[in-house]
Structures are given as structure tokens and as C-alpha cells.
Protein backbone atom coordinates (compact mmCIF):
# COMPACT_ATOMS: atom_id res chain seq x y z
CA GLN A 1 -23.36 -6.23 -0.69
CA ALA A 2 -23.75 -2.48 0.16
CA ASN A 3 -21.83 0.49 -0.93
CA VAL A 4 -20.24 2.11 2.08
CA GLY A 5 -17.86 4.64 0.45
CA THR A 6 -15.63 5.46 -2.45
CA LEU A 7 -11.90 5.59 -3.05
CA GLY A 8 -12.17 9.20 -4.24
CA THR A 9 -10.01 8.54 -7.35
CA ALA A 10 -9.99 5.71 -9.60
CA ASN A 11 -6.76 3.68 -9.25
CA TYR A 12 -5.23 0.87 -11.47
CA GLU A 13 -3.00 -1.92 -10.12
CA ILE A 14 -2.90 -0.86 -6.45
CA ALA A 15 -1.94 -3.22 -3.67
CA ALA A 16 -4.07 -3.53 -0.53
CA ILE A 17 -3.30 -5.00 2.91
CA ASN A 18 -4.95 -4.77 6.34
CA ASP A 19 -4.49 -4.61 10.03
CA THR A 20 -7.44 -5.37 12.48
CA THR A 21 -9.09 -2.08 12.01
CA HIS A 22 -8.17 -0.64 8.55
CA THR A 23 -7.34 -1.49 4.85
CA TYR A 24 -4.26 0.34 3.53
CA TYR A 25 -3.67 0.71 -0.28
CA ALA A 26 -0.79 2.19 -2.10
CA GLY A 27 0.82 2.55 -5.61
CA SER A 28 -1.15 3.06 -8.70
CA ALA A 29 -0.12 2.68 -12.36
CA ALA A 30 -2.81 5.22 -13.46
CA PRO A 31 -2.80 7.77 -12.14
CA HIS A 32 0.80 7.61 -10.91
CA THR A 33 0.83 8.16 -7.15
CA SER A 34 3.20 7.43 -4.30
CA ASN A 35 0.42 7.96 -1.60
CA ILE A 36 -0.43 5.31 1.06
CA LYS A 37 -4.23 5.77 1.90
CA LYS A 38 -6.31 3.96 4.50
CA PHE A 39 -9.97 3.37 5.45
CA ALA A 40 -11.57 2.00 8.59
CA PHE A 41 -13.76 -1.08 8.61
CA ALA A 42 -16.84 0.78 9.43
CA SER A 43 -20.34 1.23 8.03
CA SER A 44 -19.41 4.65 6.71
CA VAL A 45 -16.01 4.61 5.04
CA SER A 46 -13.80 7.77 4.92
CA ILE A 47 -10.37 7.73 3.14
CA SER A 48 -7.45 9.26 4.82
CA SER A 49 -3.75 9.63 4.10
CA HIS A 50 -1.19 7.26 5.83
CA GLY A 51 2.17 8.76 4.35
CA VAL A 52 3.84 7.94 1.21
CA LEU A 53 6.03 5.22 -0.45
CA HIS A 54 9.75 5.31 0.15
CA ALA A 55 11.63 8.22 -1.67
CA ASN A 56 8.11 9.51 -2.72
CA ILE A 57 8.35 7.21 -5.98
CA TRP A 58 5.06 6.21 -7.72
CA ASN A 59 4.98 2.44 -7.90
CA GLY A 60 2.13 0.62 -9.58
CA PHE A 61 2.00 -3.22 -9.55
CA LEU A 62 3.13 -3.42 -5.92
CA CYS A 63 2.73 -6.51 -3.75
CA GLY A 64 1.33 -6.02 -0.12
CA HIS A 65 2.29 -8.07 2.91
CA SER A 66 1.61 -7.66 6.54
CA ASN A 67 2.35 -8.69 10.20
CA THR A 68 0.88 -7.58 13.52
CA THR A 69 2.83 -4.21 13.61
CA HIS A 70 3.73 -3.32 10.25
CA GLY A 71 2.70 -3.31 6.42
CA TYR A 72 5.15 -4.04 3.67
CA TRP A 73 5.17 -3.13 0.00
CA THR A 74 7.55 -5.13 -2.21
CA GLY A 75 8.60 -4.91 -5.88
CA GLY A 76 6.52 -2.72 -8.21
CA TYR A 77 6.94 -1.42 -11.73
CA SER A 78 9.11 1.65 -11.00
CA ALA A 79 11.03 0.40 -7.90
CA GLY A 80 11.05 -3.40 -8.60
CA THR A 81 13.51 -4.50 -5.88
CA LYS A 82 12.50 -2.46 -3.04
CA ILE A 83 11.12 -3.86 0.22
CA GLN A 84 9.23 -0.88 1.99
CA ARG A 85 7.99 -1.06 5.64
CA PHE A 86 5.59 1.29 7.47
CA ALA A 87 4.10 1.04 10.93
CA TRP A 88 0.33 0.75 11.36
CA SER A 89 0.53 3.01 14.39
CA SER A 90 1.89 6.16 12.49
CA ASN A 91 1.46 8.21 9.39
CA THR A 92 4.86 8.15 7.99
CA THR A 93 6.74 7.62 4.82
CA ALA A 94 7.53 4.00 4.19
CA ALA A 95 11.23 3.02 5.03
CA LEU A 96 13.44 1.03 2.86
CA ALA A 97 13.72 -2.29 4.77
CA GLY A 98 15.66 -4.40 2.18
CA SER A 99 15.77 -5.46 -1.44
CA LEU A 100 14.58 -8.36 -3.44
CA THR A 101 17.25 -10.22 -5.46
CA ASN A 102 15.53 -9.51 -8.77
CA SER A 103 13.15 -6.76 -9.98
CA ARG A 104 9.56 -8.00 -9.67
CA TYR A 105 6.08 -6.70 -10.28
CA ARG A 106 2.50 -8.13 -10.27
CA MET A 107 3.40 -10.47 -7.43
CA ARG A 108 0.88 -11.58 -4.94
CA GLY A 109 1.27 -11.19 -1.11
CA TRP A 110 0.49 -12.66 2.26
CA GLN A 111 -0.62 -11.58 5.67
CA LYS A 112 0.34 -12.97 9.04
């Protein structure tokens, strides 16, 4: 294993998902943040912004899911019923895509 970069800020209870070229992570219980960040699968990692969570609400303990065009964040401590969606192709705020039937946090996700 080799160290190829840093997250810049220590984060606790984030969710991470990926497409074919980048890893995206969001939410943090400490420090509280609503930022979506990304880094490329490369030998030298540089963190960049990819938007914010829906309604700019901090949301630790999220669950991440993905398909070939979008990433999804579900549940979380402060927005436990939200299903949020964002496109891989644009740096935008995550949109509200639906609701879970019950408030959930600390779930585990899957990727397609």
C-alpha cells in the first residue's frame, strides 16, 4: 500500500461511492458538513468539490448507492428518510429523489 493523498479534513461516519473514474464521499458526523467531495483514481490524489447534499443539511451516517449515471445518498442521522440523487457528470446539489418508509442511519449500500 502507498499513500497517494489526503482527505484534507478528518471526517467521521462518511459514506463513499464510486463511478468508473472517481470516488465520491459525503456527510460527516464530525465535523458536520453537507459537502460532496470527490477524488480521481490516479497516482496523485487531489480532492475537489462536487456539490452539496439536498437542502444543504449536514448528514452523518449516510448510506451510499450508485448506478452507471448517478450516485445516491440515503438515510442519515439528521435527514433519516431522504433519498438524494446527484449526477456523476455535473457538480450540483443533490436532489430529493424520494423517501424511505422509516428514518434510517448507519445502513450499508450497494453499487450496480
